[in-house]
Amino acid sequence: MVTKDVMTPLVALLKECSAGLDSNEMSPQEKKNQNRNSIENIANEAVNVLWNICECSSRAVSIFNKEGCLEIVLKYLSRFPTNVDLAISVAYCLQTVTEDNLELLKSFCAPALHVLESVMLSPGNSMEYVLLKTLVAGTVWNVKDIIPSKSQAEIINAILKILSEVLEMDAGEMVIQMKEAETQRLKATAETEEILAKANGHDLIEDDEMEEMPHKRKVRRKTFISDLLPPTDKELREAIALLTAQQTALEIIVNMCYSEDPSDDEWEELSSSDESDAFLENSLSEGSGQLLSPLCLSHEIHSALTHYLIPKKIFEKTAFPNSIAVDICSKSPTWKPLIRKMNTVQCRALVCLQSLVSLLDVEPLGGAPALQALVQHLSQLLFSQPDFAQHVDFLEAVSSALRALLQTMAAKNISQCLTPEQLVTLCRAGILNSNVGVRVNFVSILGITGSVLAKGDGTLETLKTIGCFLLEVATQDPSLVVVGEALDALFDVFADGKEAERASVQIKLLSALKELQPVFKMKIRKEGRGNYSPDQLCVLNNVKTNLRRFIAYQETVESDYLNH
């Protein structure tokens, strides 16, 4: 679409709508009775098109920058008190175009930031307002680099306060309440229609009677109140808005966990605006932001995450959706899509959990008991799925979270609450999945478990089971990525420890690896280019090098073992 120059007429339409909003041609009554063809509705459709194009085209984003679209859409956003639908469309668009867009950041000035701030501070409490504020919080996070360093902590706290409030809400209960509200509203409407129909019944003449009484005045067919009112799905819209807001909040938190700080030079350049400094000192008046440098921004994020109990709220979102809400939605064609949205929130929470577990210390996560309870919870999520292989997104999210959790616990010497046998059973099921990411996660989980066991006593038989399983994966899996992960896991499990040495000899690990080595090298050479990314090839080449060294190490282990 961009190559066919759809952006030129689209930008022209946006400018035309903007000019129309500035004019005073419409009377107050006309403004009150706007229909689908009104300027704001046309602008809303145009912004939606703009957002979708910019989401998939960097060229469109570049045109957005050069044509001054930011000023136009911010004008639309400022109308949020009277048109929240238009504001939400703009917020989606802004969140997209502000991501990794240094050129656009230069266009942001104090008035632009003030519009974003006014939305974040708005008192509206409908779910659509909740979604709007969440999206704008995401935009503010994207443009944080233009905010003076002394206000960074304040901005992070403002963003996470909004995200915390969103995650605090029980979406399952909201769905139940909204569906009940819809049922009661429709029931009341039907009863009103019935009463009116009975009251006017003596005045109505059916069509078949008209043919027999041509002298009588022809009347219209029965008209109900619902025919005169616009169709509404306000309860459904509220439920969708909350679920979308929660999904967005979780995605923003993941982005916060993995953000890259700008260099000192970039920071100075982006923070040099006196106007922005003055604006933020005056408008963000709650608290006097501590002087920060980019290097301590990560610490500020961690502090805010802990202050607003974000980890606890994310843990809660990893549970399966409310079964009553799911049952209610499954019985209504219009509400049924919400089941998928509820599942998506759960998956995003699991991805978020993986990020937090990888980055936060143990105490902010609730300490060792909380991590052990989480392992139990995640394993229950997996074991409770009889058709486990069919839910690939869920399976990848929960296995990634479990992998990160077990890795953290192993590094902190926190004992696991699952038995090795349970994990082996879990991994045997997981390795059959068609998704490479899922298989990699389960192989890694087993490798982490084995490396912990190798440090203890009385674990010989379990280590042999794990070793045989990993060898089977390394020799039979069709993906080199999974094979590489299995080899890495073998290196970790059998790198050290008396039990590991005994186990490696008894399962004939050395001879198996020597047999595998030339096959692995040949597959990398033949299948690598074109099938795997440069990053994956780099990892595979490292595994190949480590395999050669590990074989040399195993030769020493086996020789010493046999000589004793």
Protein backbone atom coordinates (compact mmCIF):
# COMPACT_ATOMS: atom_id res chain seq x y z
CA MET A 1 0.00 0.00 0.00
CA VAL A 2 2.85 2.37 0.82
CA THR A 3 4.54 1.69 -2.53
CA LYS A 4 1.26 2.63 -4.22
CA ASP A 5 1.37 5.96 -2.37
CA VAL A 6 -1.60 5.47 -0.10
CA MET A 7 0.10 7.73 2.46
CA THR A 8 -0.32 10.92 0.39
CA PRO A 9 -4.15 10.89 0.31
CA LEU A 10 -4.24 9.50 3.86
CA VAL A 11 -2.13 12.35 5.24
CA ALA A 12 -4.21 14.83 3.23
CA LEU A 13 -7.39 13.39 4.77
CA LEU A 14 -5.93 13.64 8.27
CA LYS A 15 -5.01 17.28 7.68
CA GLU A 16 -8.45 18.00 6.23
CA CYS A 17 -10.15 16.47 9.26
CA SER A 18 -7.87 18.45 11.55
CA ALA A 19 -8.80 21.67 9.76
CA GLY A 20 -12.47 20.71 9.97
CA LEU A 21 -12.22 20.27 13.73
CA ASP A 22 -10.78 23.79 13.98
CA SER A 23 -13.66 25.38 12.04
CA ASN A 24 -16.78 26.68 13.72
CA GLU A 25 -19.12 25.84 10.86
CA MET A 26 -21.16 23.30 12.81
CA SER A 27 -23.71 24.53 15.29
CA PRO A 28 -23.66 23.10 18.85
CA GLN A 29 -26.75 21.02 18.03
CA GLU A 30 -25.08 19.59 14.91
CA LYS A 31 -22.00 18.74 16.95
CA LYS A 32 -24.20 17.00 19.50
CA ASN A 33 -25.95 14.90 16.87
CA GLN A 34 -22.89 13.71 14.99
CA ASN A 35 -23.46 10.59 12.91
CA ARG A 36 -21.11 8.01 11.41
CA ASN A 37 -20.10 10.43 8.68
CA SER A 38 -18.96 13.13 11.11
CA ILE A 39 -15.45 14.56 10.94
CA GLU A 40 -14.35 12.81 14.12
CA ASN A 41 -15.56 9.42 12.90
CA ILE A 42 -13.80 9.89 9.57
CA ALA A 43 -10.67 10.91 11.48
CA ASN A 44 -11.00 7.79 13.62
CA GLU A 45 -11.12 5.53 10.55
CA ALA A 46 -8.16 7.39 9.00
CA VAL A 47 -6.07 7.03 12.15
CA ASN A 48 -6.85 3.31 12.29
CA VAL A 49 -5.61 2.92 8.70
CA LEU A 50 -2.51 5.00 9.52
CA TRP A 51 -1.77 2.88 12.58
CA ASN A 52 -2.06 -0.40 10.69
CA ILE A 53 0.18 0.81 7.85
CA CYS A 54 2.83 2.19 10.21
CA GLU A 55 2.81 -1.06 12.17
CA CYS A 56 4.06 -3.00 9.15
CA SER A 57 6.03 -0.39 7.19
CA SER A 58 9.08 1.58 8.31
CA ARG A 59 8.66 3.72 5.20
CA ALA A 60 5.20 4.74 6.40
CA VAL A 61 6.69 5.69 9.78
CA SER A 62 9.27 7.83 7.98
CA ILE A 63 6.48 9.62 6.08
CA PHE A 64 4.62 10.07 9.39
CA ASN A 65 7.72 11.85 10.73
CA LYS A 66 8.30 14.08 7.70
CA GLU A 67 4.68 15.11 7.13
CA GLY A 68 4.15 16.38 10.65
CA CYS A 69 1.49 13.80 11.47
CA LEU A 70 2.42 13.89 15.15
CA GLU A 71 0.87 17.32 15.66
CA ILE A 72 -2.32 16.21 13.90
CA VAL A 73 -2.86 13.02 15.88
CA LEU A 74 -2.04 14.77 19.16
CA LYS A 75 -4.81 17.25 18.36
CA TYR A 76 -7.16 14.28 17.95
CA LEU A 77 -5.89 12.77 21.21
CA SER A 78 -6.62 15.99 23.08
CA ARG A 79 -10.33 15.41 22.34
CA PHE A 80 -10.34 12.36 24.63
CA PRO A 81 -12.88 13.86 27.09
CA THR A 82 -15.55 13.87 24.36
CA ASN A 83 -14.40 11.10 22.00
CA VAL A 84 -12.59 8.28 23.72
CA ASP A 85 -12.82 6.01 20.65
CA LEU A 86 -10.82 8.47 18.56
CA ALA A 87 -8.33 8.91 21.41
CA ILE A 88 -7.81 5.14 21.72
CA SER A 89 -7.13 4.86 17.98
CA VAL A 90 -4.56 7.66 18.26
CA ALA A 91 -2.98 6.05 21.33
CA TYR A 92 -2.53 2.76 19.44
CA CYS A 93 -0.95 4.68 16.56
CA LEU A 94 1.36 6.67 18.85
CA GLN A 95 2.54 3.59 20.68
CA THR A 96 3.54 2.10 17.31
CA VAL A 97 5.24 5.13 15.73
CA THR A 98 7.17 6.15 18.87
CA GLU A 99 8.90 2.79 19.22
CA ASP A 100 12.62 3.10 18.37
CA ASN A 101 11.96 6.32 16.44
CA LEU A 102 14.69 8.79 17.36
CA GLU A 103 13.71 11.13 14.53
CA LEU A 104 10.18 11.51 15.89
CA LEU A 105 11.43 12.17 19.42
CA LYS A 106 12.92 15.44 18.18
CA SER A 107 9.39 16.59 17.31
CA PHE A 108 8.11 16.12 20.85
CA CYS A 109 7.91 19.38 22.77
CA ALA A 110 6.38 20.47 26.06
CA PRO A 111 2.82 20.88 24.68
CA ALA A 112 3.00 17.38 23.15
CA LEU A 113 4.10 15.88 26.46
CA HIS A 114 1.39 17.86 28.22
CA VAL A 115 -1.29 16.16 26.08
CA LEU A 116 0.08 12.74 27.07
CA GLU A 117 0.24 13.76 30.71
CA SER A 118 -3.35 15.06 30.71
CA VAL A 119 -4.55 11.67 29.47
CA MET A 120 -2.54 9.77 32.09
CA LEU A 121 -4.00 11.97 34.85
CA SER A 122 -7.59 11.90 33.56
CA PRO A 123 -10.17 10.86 36.17
CA GLY A 124 -12.25 8.69 33.81
CA ASN A 125 -12.78 5.21 35.25
CA SER A 126 -14.57 3.36 32.45
CA MET A 127 -12.65 0.42 31.02
CA GLU A 128 -12.17 2.35 27.78
CA TYR A 129 -10.43 5.09 29.76
CA VAL A 130 -8.34 2.41 31.48
CA LEU A 131 -7.26 1.14 28.05
CA LEU A 132 -6.54 4.67 26.82
CA LYS A 133 -4.35 5.50 29.82
CA THR A 134 -2.49 2.20 29.46
CA LEU A 135 -1.72 2.84 25.79
CA VAL A 136 -0.56 6.38 26.53
CA ALA A 137 1.63 5.05 29.36
CA GLY A 138 3.27 2.83 26.74
CA THR A 139 3.85 5.85 24.51
CA VAL A 140 5.39 7.81 27.39
CA TRP A 141 7.73 4.88 28.02
CA ASN A 142 8.76 4.96 24.36
CA VAL A 143 9.58 8.70 24.52
CA LYS A 144 11.17 8.65 27.99
CA ASP A 145 14.57 9.54 26.54
CA ILE A 146 13.49 13.15 25.92
CA ILE A 147 12.46 13.55 29.55
CA PRO A 148 15.13 15.12 31.79
CA SER A 149 17.07 12.63 33.88
CA LYS A 150 15.92 14.26 37.13
CA SER A 151 12.32 13.36 36.24
CA GLN A 152 12.97 9.78 35.14
CA ALA A 153 12.07 8.17 38.46
CA GLU A 154 8.86 10.17 38.57
CA ILE A 155 7.89 9.14 35.04
CA ILE A 156 8.63 5.47 35.71
CA ASN A 157 6.51 5.60 38.85
CA ALA A 158 3.65 7.29 36.99
CA ILE A 159 3.73 4.63 34.27
CA LEU A 160 3.89 1.70 36.68
CA LYS A 161 1.14 3.16 38.85
CA ILE A 162 -1.20 2.99 35.85
CA LEU A 163 -0.05 -0.52 34.92
CA SER A 164 -0.43 -1.66 38.52
CA GLU A 165 -4.00 -0.39 38.69
CA VAL A 166 -4.82 -2.18 35.43
CA LEU A 167 -3.38 -5.49 36.64
CA GLU A 168 -5.14 -5.13 39.99
CA MET A 169 -8.51 -5.63 38.30
CA ASP A 170 -10.08 -9.07 38.13
CA ALA A 171 -10.92 -9.47 34.44
CA GLY A 172 -12.80 -12.73 35.02
CA GLU A 173 -15.16 -11.11 37.50
CA MET A 174 -15.54 -8.12 35.19
CA VAL A 175 -16.59 -10.39 32.32
CA ILE A 176 -19.16 -12.10 34.56
CA GLN A 177 -20.56 -8.75 35.75
CA MET A 178 -20.68 -7.22 32.28
CA LYS A 179 -22.44 -10.26 30.80
CA GLU A 180 -25.02 -10.16 33.59
CA ALA A 181 -25.48 -6.41 33.02
CA GLU A 182 -26.05 -7.03 29.33
CA THR A 183 -28.58 -9.76 30.09
CA GLN A 184 -30.50 -7.47 32.46
CA ARG A 185 -30.44 -4.56 30.00
CA LEU A 186 -31.77 -6.68 27.14
CA LYS A 187 -34.42 -8.16 29.43
CA ALA A 188 -35.57 -4.70 30.53
CA THR A 189 -35.68 -3.51 26.91
CA ALA A 190 -37.76 -6.52 25.88
CA GLU A 191 -40.19 -5.97 28.75
CA THR A 192 -40.58 -2.30 27.81
CA GLU A 193 -41.24 -3.24 24.20
CA GLU A 194 -43.86 -5.76 25.26
CA ILE A 195 -45.65 -3.22 27.47
CA LEU A 196 -45.69 -0.64 24.67
CA ALA A 197 -46.86 -3.23 22.18
CA LYS A 198 -49.82 -4.14 24.40
CA ALA A 199 -50.63 -0.49 25.08
CA ASN A 200 -50.72 0.32 21.37
CA GLY A 201 -52.19 -2.96 20.24
CA HIS A 202 -55.69 -1.62 19.55
CA ASP A 203 -54.26 0.95 17.14
CA LEU A 204 -52.32 -1.58 15.08
CA ILE A 205 -53.71 -3.17 11.98
CA GLU A 206 -51.92 -6.12 10.51
CA ASP A 207 -51.11 -6.24 6.78
CA ASP A 208 -53.48 -9.11 6.03
CA GLU A 209 -56.38 -7.07 7.44
CA MET A 210 -55.64 -4.17 5.12
CA GLU A 211 -56.62 -6.14 2.06
CA GLU A 212 -60.08 -6.71 3.52
CA MET A 213 -60.54 -3.10 4.68
CA PRO A 214 -59.22 -0.83 1.94
CA HIS A 215 -61.16 2.15 3.29
CA LYS A 216 -59.13 2.23 6.49
CA ARG A 217 -55.92 4.23 6.90
CA LYS A 218 -52.81 2.19 6.19
CA VAL A 219 -50.54 1.97 9.25
CA ARG A 220 -46.92 0.90 9.73
CA ARG A 221 -45.87 -2.47 11.00
CA LYS A 222 -45.15 -2.72 14.72
CA THR A 223 -42.10 -0.70 15.71
CA PHE A 224 -40.24 -1.48 18.91
CA ILE A 225 -38.08 0.88 20.96
CA SER A 226 -35.01 -1.20 20.11
CA ASP A 227 -35.60 -0.42 16.43
CA LEU A 228 -35.33 3.30 17.15
CA LEU A 229 -32.24 3.16 19.36
CA PRO A 230 -28.74 2.56 17.97
CA PRO A 231 -27.47 -0.98 18.54
CA THR A 232 -25.17 -1.11 21.57
CA ASP A 233 -22.69 -3.59 22.96
CA LYS A 234 -21.32 -1.36 25.71
CA GLU A 235 -20.87 -4.20 28.21
CA LEU A 236 -18.90 -6.27 25.71
CA ARG A 237 -16.80 -3.24 24.79
CA GLU A 238 -15.97 -2.65 28.46
CA ALA A 239 -14.86 -6.25 28.95
CA ILE A 240 -12.74 -6.23 25.79
CA ALA A 241 -11.18 -2.90 26.79
CA LEU A 242 -10.05 -4.27 30.17
CA LEU A 243 -8.58 -7.46 28.72
CA THR A 244 -6.77 -5.46 26.03
CA ALA A 245 -5.47 -3.03 28.66
CA GLN A 246 -4.11 -5.89 30.76
CA GLN A 247 -2.43 -7.49 27.75
CA THR A 248 -0.89 -4.12 26.82
CA ALA A 249 0.27 -3.49 30.40
CA LEU A 250 2.08 -6.83 30.50
CA GLU A 251 3.75 -6.14 27.16
CA ILE A 252 4.94 -2.73 28.38
CA ILE A 253 6.46 -4.31 31.49
CA VAL A 254 8.38 -6.80 29.34
CA ASN A 255 9.68 -3.88 27.25
CA MET A 256 10.72 -2.08 30.43
CA CYS A 257 12.65 -5.14 31.57
CA TYR A 258 14.63 -5.35 28.34
CA SER A 259 15.06 -1.69 27.43
CA GLU A 260 18.47 -0.48 26.34
CA ASP A 261 19.72 2.74 27.86
CA PRO A 262 20.97 5.40 25.47
CA SER A 263 24.61 6.38 25.47
CA ASP A 264 25.69 9.43 27.48
CA ASP A 265 25.99 11.50 24.30
CA GLU A 266 22.46 10.60 23.20
CA TRP A 267 21.18 11.35 26.69
CA GLU A 268 22.69 14.83 26.70
CA GLU A 269 21.32 15.55 23.22
CA LEU A 270 17.83 14.32 23.99
CA SER A 271 17.62 16.03 27.38
CA SER A 272 18.98 19.42 26.32
CA SER A 273 15.64 21.13 25.77
CA ASP A 274 15.19 23.90 28.35
CA GLU A 275 11.51 24.04 27.45
CA SER A 276 11.02 20.35 28.28
CA ASP A 277 12.89 20.78 31.59
CA ALA A 278 10.75 23.75 32.59
CA PHE A 279 7.54 22.01 31.55
CA LEU A 280 8.27 18.83 33.45
CA GLU A 281 9.44 20.64 36.57
CA ASN A 282 6.10 22.45 36.68
CA SER A 283 3.66 19.84 35.46
CA LEU A 284 4.98 16.68 37.13
CA SER A 285 4.77 18.28 40.51
CA GLU A 286 4.22 15.29 42.78
CA GLY A 287 7.60 14.76 44.38
CA SER A 288 10.94 16.25 43.40
CA GLY A 289 12.49 13.65 41.13
CA GLN A 290 15.90 12.42 42.22
CA LEU A 291 18.80 13.20 39.89
CA LEU A 292 19.39 10.08 37.83
CA SER A 293 21.77 8.96 35.19
CA PRO A 294 20.92 6.40 32.49
CA LEU A 295 23.05 3.83 34.27
CA CYS A 296 20.76 3.72 37.33
CA LEU A 297 17.50 3.73 35.38
CA SER A 298 17.29 -0.06 35.63
CA HIS A 299 17.47 0.24 39.42
CA GLU A 300 14.58 2.72 39.35
CA ILE A 301 12.47 0.32 37.30
CA HIS A 302 13.17 -2.50 39.75
CA SER A 303 12.28 -0.27 42.70
CA ALA A 304 9.00 0.81 41.11
CA LEU A 305 8.12 -2.77 40.14
CA THR A 306 8.55 -3.80 43.76
CA HIS A 307 6.78 -0.74 45.20
CA TYR A 308 3.64 -1.38 43.16
CA LEU A 309 3.70 -5.15 43.86
CA ILE A 310 3.95 -5.83 40.13
CA PRO A 311 5.53 -9.32 40.52
CA LYS A 312 2.65 -10.49 42.76
CA LYS A 313 0.04 -9.15 40.32
CA ILE A 314 1.75 -10.82 37.38
CA PHE A 315 1.92 -14.14 39.25
CA GLU A 316 -1.84 -13.95 39.75
CA LYS A 317 -2.42 -13.36 36.03
CA THR A 318 -0.58 -16.58 35.13
CA ALA A 319 -3.50 -18.64 36.47
CA PHE A 320 -6.00 -20.11 34.05
CA PRO A 321 -8.91 -17.77 33.22
CA ASN A 322 -11.95 -17.79 35.50
CA SER A 323 -13.84 -20.98 34.58
CA ILE A 324 -17.26 -19.37 35.14
CA ALA A 325 -16.35 -16.48 32.82
CA VAL A 326 -15.10 -18.92 30.19
CA ASP A 327 -18.31 -20.95 30.45
CA ILE A 328 -20.49 -17.83 30.11
CA CYS A 329 -18.53 -16.61 27.07
CA SER A 330 -18.62 -20.02 25.40
CA LYS A 331 -22.44 -19.86 25.31
CA SER A 332 -22.60 -16.55 23.45
CA PRO A 333 -21.28 -16.11 19.89
CA THR A 334 -20.52 -12.42 20.48
CA TRP A 335 -18.70 -13.07 23.76
CA LYS A 336 -16.87 -16.23 22.73
CA PRO A 337 -13.81 -14.34 21.32
CA LEU A 338 -13.13 -13.12 24.87
CA ILE A 339 -11.97 -16.62 25.80
CA ARG A 340 -9.02 -16.22 23.46
CA LYS A 341 -8.33 -12.77 24.93
CA MET A 342 -8.32 -14.19 28.45
CA ASN A 343 -5.89 -16.90 27.34
CA THR A 344 -3.69 -14.27 25.69
CA VAL A 345 -3.49 -12.31 28.96
CA GLN A 346 -2.35 -15.49 30.72
CA CYS A 347 0.35 -16.11 28.08
CA ARG A 348 1.58 -12.50 28.30
CA ALA A 349 1.74 -12.84 32.09
CA LEU A 350 3.88 -15.96 31.72
CA VAL A 351 6.26 -14.13 29.37
CA CYS A 352 6.36 -11.26 31.85
CA LEU A 353 7.07 -13.69 34.68
CA GLN A 354 10.02 -15.08 32.73
CA SER A 355 11.44 -11.55 32.39
CA LEU A 356 11.01 -10.70 36.07
CA VAL A 357 12.48 -13.98 37.29
CA SER A 358 15.52 -13.45 35.07
CA LEU A 359 16.13 -9.87 36.21
CA LEU A 360 14.95 -9.39 39.79
CA ASP A 361 16.59 -10.66 42.94
CA VAL A 362 14.91 -13.40 44.92
CA GLU A 363 13.52 -11.19 47.69
CA PRO A 364 11.47 -8.84 45.45
CA LEU A 365 9.95 -11.98 43.96
CA GLY A 366 8.78 -13.12 47.39
CA GLY A 367 11.77 -15.15 48.56
CA ALA A 368 12.57 -18.85 48.18
CA PRO A 369 9.12 -20.11 49.30
CA ALA A 370 7.40 -17.98 46.66
CA LEU A 371 9.69 -19.33 43.93
CA GLN A 372 9.07 -22.91 45.03
CA ALA A 373 5.33 -22.28 45.01
CA LEU A 374 5.67 -20.83 41.51
CA VAL A 375 7.42 -23.95 40.25
CA GLN A 376 4.56 -26.01 41.64
CA HIS A 377 2.03 -23.66 40.04
CA LEU A 378 3.68 -23.74 36.60
CA SER A 379 4.01 -27.50 36.64
CA GLN A 380 0.32 -27.78 37.53
CA LEU A 381 -0.50 -25.56 34.55
CA LEU A 382 1.39 -27.99 32.33
CA PHE A 383 0.10 -31.23 33.84
CA SER A 384 -3.49 -29.94 33.73
CA GLN A 385 -3.41 -29.75 29.92
CA PRO A 386 -4.49 -33.13 28.51
CA ASP A 387 -4.30 -31.77 24.95
CA PHE A 388 -1.01 -30.09 25.89
CA ALA A 389 0.49 -30.22 22.37
CA GLN A 390 -2.33 -28.23 20.80
CA HIS A 391 -1.72 -25.02 22.77
CA VAL A 392 1.68 -24.03 21.40
CA ASP A 393 1.66 -20.36 22.50
CA PHE A 394 0.69 -21.31 26.03
CA LEU A 395 3.18 -24.18 26.12
CA GLU A 396 6.07 -22.02 24.94
CA ALA A 397 5.19 -19.27 27.43
CA VAL A 398 4.85 -21.54 30.46
CA SER A 399 7.92 -23.65 29.61
CA SER A 400 9.99 -20.47 29.12
CA ALA A 401 8.85 -19.19 32.52
CA LEU A 402 9.60 -22.53 34.19
CA ARG A 403 13.02 -22.64 32.54
CA ALA A 404 13.91 -19.14 33.80
CA LEU A 405 12.58 -19.94 37.27
CA LEU A 406 14.56 -23.17 37.62
CA GLN A 407 17.69 -21.43 36.33
CA THR A 408 17.35 -18.71 38.98
CA MET A 409 16.72 -21.24 41.73
CA ALA A 410 19.73 -23.31 40.66
CA ALA A 411 21.95 -20.21 40.69
CA LYS A 412 20.71 -19.31 44.20
CA ASN A 413 20.90 -22.90 45.51
CA ILE A 414 17.16 -22.99 46.19
CA SER A 415 15.82 -26.52 46.26
CA GLN A 416 13.15 -27.49 43.76
CA CYS A 417 9.80 -28.84 44.87
CA LEU A 418 9.38 -31.15 41.87
CA THR A 419 11.01 -34.55 41.79
CA PRO A 420 13.44 -35.31 38.95
CA GLU A 421 11.06 -38.06 37.85
CA GLN A 422 8.23 -35.54 37.47
CA LEU A 423 10.44 -33.26 35.38
CA VAL A 424 11.60 -36.13 33.18
CA THR A 425 7.97 -37.11 32.57
CA LEU A 426 7.14 -33.50 31.74
CA CYS A 427 10.07 -33.18 29.37
CA ARG A 428 9.28 -36.43 27.58
CA ALA A 429 5.87 -35.00 26.73
CA GLY A 430 7.28 -31.60 25.80
CA ILE A 431 9.97 -32.89 23.46
CA LEU A 432 7.27 -34.36 21.20
CA ASN A 433 5.89 -30.89 20.45
CA SER A 434 6.25 -29.59 16.91
CA ASN A 435 7.41 -26.14 18.09
CA VAL A 436 11.20 -25.74 18.24
CA GLY A 437 11.04 -23.16 21.03
CA VAL A 438 9.00 -25.51 23.22
CA ARG A 439 11.44 -28.39 22.65
CA VAL A 440 14.42 -26.16 23.42
CA ASN A 441 12.82 -25.09 26.71
CA PHE A 442 12.15 -28.62 27.91
CA VAL A 443 15.65 -29.77 26.98
CA SER A 444 17.07 -26.83 28.92
CA ILE A 445 14.83 -27.59 31.92
CA LEU A 446 16.21 -31.10 32.05
CA GLY A 447 19.75 -29.81 31.69
CA ILE A 448 19.27 -27.42 34.63
CA THR A 449 17.79 -30.23 36.74
CA GLY A 450 20.66 -32.59 35.86
CA SER A 451 23.37 -30.04 36.63
CA VAL A 452 21.88 -29.55 40.12
CA LEU A 453 21.64 -33.29 40.72
CA ALA A 454 25.24 -33.81 39.59
CA LYS A 455 26.42 -31.87 42.65
CA GLY A 456 24.70 -34.23 45.08
CA ASP A 457 24.97 -37.86 46.16
CA GLY A 458 22.73 -40.81 45.38
CA THR A 459 21.64 -39.42 42.04
CA LEU A 460 23.36 -41.91 39.73
CA GLU A 461 20.27 -43.55 38.27
CA THR A 462 18.46 -40.26 37.68
CA LEU A 463 21.54 -38.80 35.98
CA LYS A 464 21.71 -41.85 33.74
CA THR A 465 18.05 -41.38 32.80
CA ILE A 466 18.60 -37.69 32.04
CA GLY A 467 21.78 -38.42 30.08
CA CYS A 468 20.10 -41.07 27.93
CA PHE A 469 17.17 -38.75 27.26
CA LEU A 470 19.42 -35.87 26.19
CA LEU A 471 21.50 -38.16 23.98
CA GLU A 472 18.34 -39.37 22.32
CA VAL A 473 17.32 -35.79 21.57
CA ALA A 474 20.80 -34.88 20.33
CA THR A 475 20.86 -37.78 17.88
CA GLN A 476 17.24 -37.77 16.70
CA ASP A 477 15.76 -34.27 16.76
CA PRO A 478 15.40 -32.79 13.25
CA SER A 479 16.28 -29.25 14.37
CA LEU A 480 19.93 -28.32 14.83
CA VAL A 481 18.84 -25.68 17.35
CA VAL A 482 17.32 -28.36 19.59
CA VAL A 483 20.33 -30.65 19.02
CA GLY A 484 22.64 -27.81 20.06
CA GLU A 485 20.59 -27.20 23.20
CA ALA A 486 20.68 -30.92 24.06
CA LEU A 487 24.48 -30.98 23.68
CA ASP A 488 24.80 -27.87 25.84
CA ALA A 489 22.64 -29.56 28.46
CA LEU A 490 24.89 -32.65 28.36
CA PHE A 491 27.95 -30.44 28.86
CA ASP A 492 26.31 -28.88 31.95
CA VAL A 493 25.05 -32.11 33.48
CA PHE A 494 28.27 -34.08 33.06
CA ALA A 495 30.79 -31.29 33.57
CA ASP A 496 31.62 -32.15 37.18
CA GLY A 497 30.82 -34.40 40.12
CA LYS A 498 31.53 -38.00 41.04
CA GLU A 499 28.00 -39.23 40.32
CA ALA A 500 28.09 -37.50 36.94
CA GLU A 501 31.40 -39.18 36.07
CA ARG A 502 30.03 -42.62 36.96
CA ALA A 503 26.84 -42.00 35.05
CA SER A 504 28.64 -40.78 31.92
CA VAL A 505 30.76 -43.91 31.77
CA GLN A 506 27.84 -46.24 32.39
CA ILE A 507 25.69 -44.72 29.59
CA LYS A 508 28.73 -44.72 27.26
CA LEU A 509 28.48 -40.98 26.76
CA LEU A 510 31.96 -40.65 25.22
CA SER A 511 31.40 -43.15 22.40
CA ALA A 512 27.95 -41.70 21.66
CA LEU A 513 29.36 -38.19 21.36
CA LYS A 514 32.26 -39.32 19.18
CA GLU A 515 29.76 -40.94 16.84
CA LEU A 516 27.58 -37.84 16.83
CA GLN A 517 30.39 -35.30 16.29
CA PRO A 518 31.00 -35.76 12.52
CA VAL A 519 27.27 -35.95 11.82
CA PHE A 520 26.68 -32.70 13.72
CA LYS A 521 29.51 -30.92 11.90
CA MET A 522 28.24 -32.11 8.52
CA LYS A 523 24.66 -30.96 9.26
CA ILE A 524 25.86 -27.50 10.25
CA ARG A 525 27.81 -27.26 7.00
CA LYS A 526 25.02 -28.57 4.78
CA GLU A 527 21.86 -27.31 6.50
CA GLY A 528 23.11 -24.23 8.28
CA ARG A 529 23.06 -21.60 5.58
CA GLY A 530 19.56 -20.68 4.50
CA ASN A 531 17.84 -22.60 7.30
CA TYR A 532 19.20 -20.82 10.36
CA SER A 533 19.83 -17.20 11.29
CA PRO A 534 23.37 -15.82 11.74
CA ASP A 535 22.84 -15.77 15.51
CA GLN A 536 21.75 -19.40 15.52
CA LEU A 537 24.74 -20.40 13.37
CA CYS A 538 27.05 -18.57 15.76
CA VAL A 539 25.62 -20.54 18.70
CA LEU A 540 25.86 -23.82 16.78
CA ASN A 541 29.49 -23.18 15.92
CA ASN A 542 30.19 -22.53 19.60
CA VAL A 543 28.49 -25.82 20.47
CA LYS A 544 30.63 -27.57 17.85
CA THR A 545 33.80 -26.15 19.43
CA ASN A 546 32.62 -27.04 22.94
CA LEU A 547 31.76 -30.56 21.79
CA ARG A 548 35.35 -31.13 20.71
CA ARG A 549 36.63 -29.91 24.08
CA PHE A 550 34.02 -31.89 26.03
CA ILE A 551 34.99 -35.09 24.22
CA ALA A 552 38.60 -34.51 25.25
CA TYR A 553 37.45 -33.98 28.83
CA GLN A 554 35.32 -37.13 28.77
CA GLU A 555 38.28 -39.16 27.51
CA THR A 556 40.14 -38.14 30.66
CA VAL A 557 37.12 -38.91 32.86
CA GLU A 558 36.64 -42.36 31.35
CA SER A 559 40.35 -43.17 31.54
CA ASP A 560 40.55 -42.19 35.22
CA TYR A 561 37.35 -44.08 36.05
CA LEU A 562 38.52 -47.30 34.36
CA ASN A 563 41.97 -47.07 35.96
CA HIS A 564 40.42 -46.92 39.39
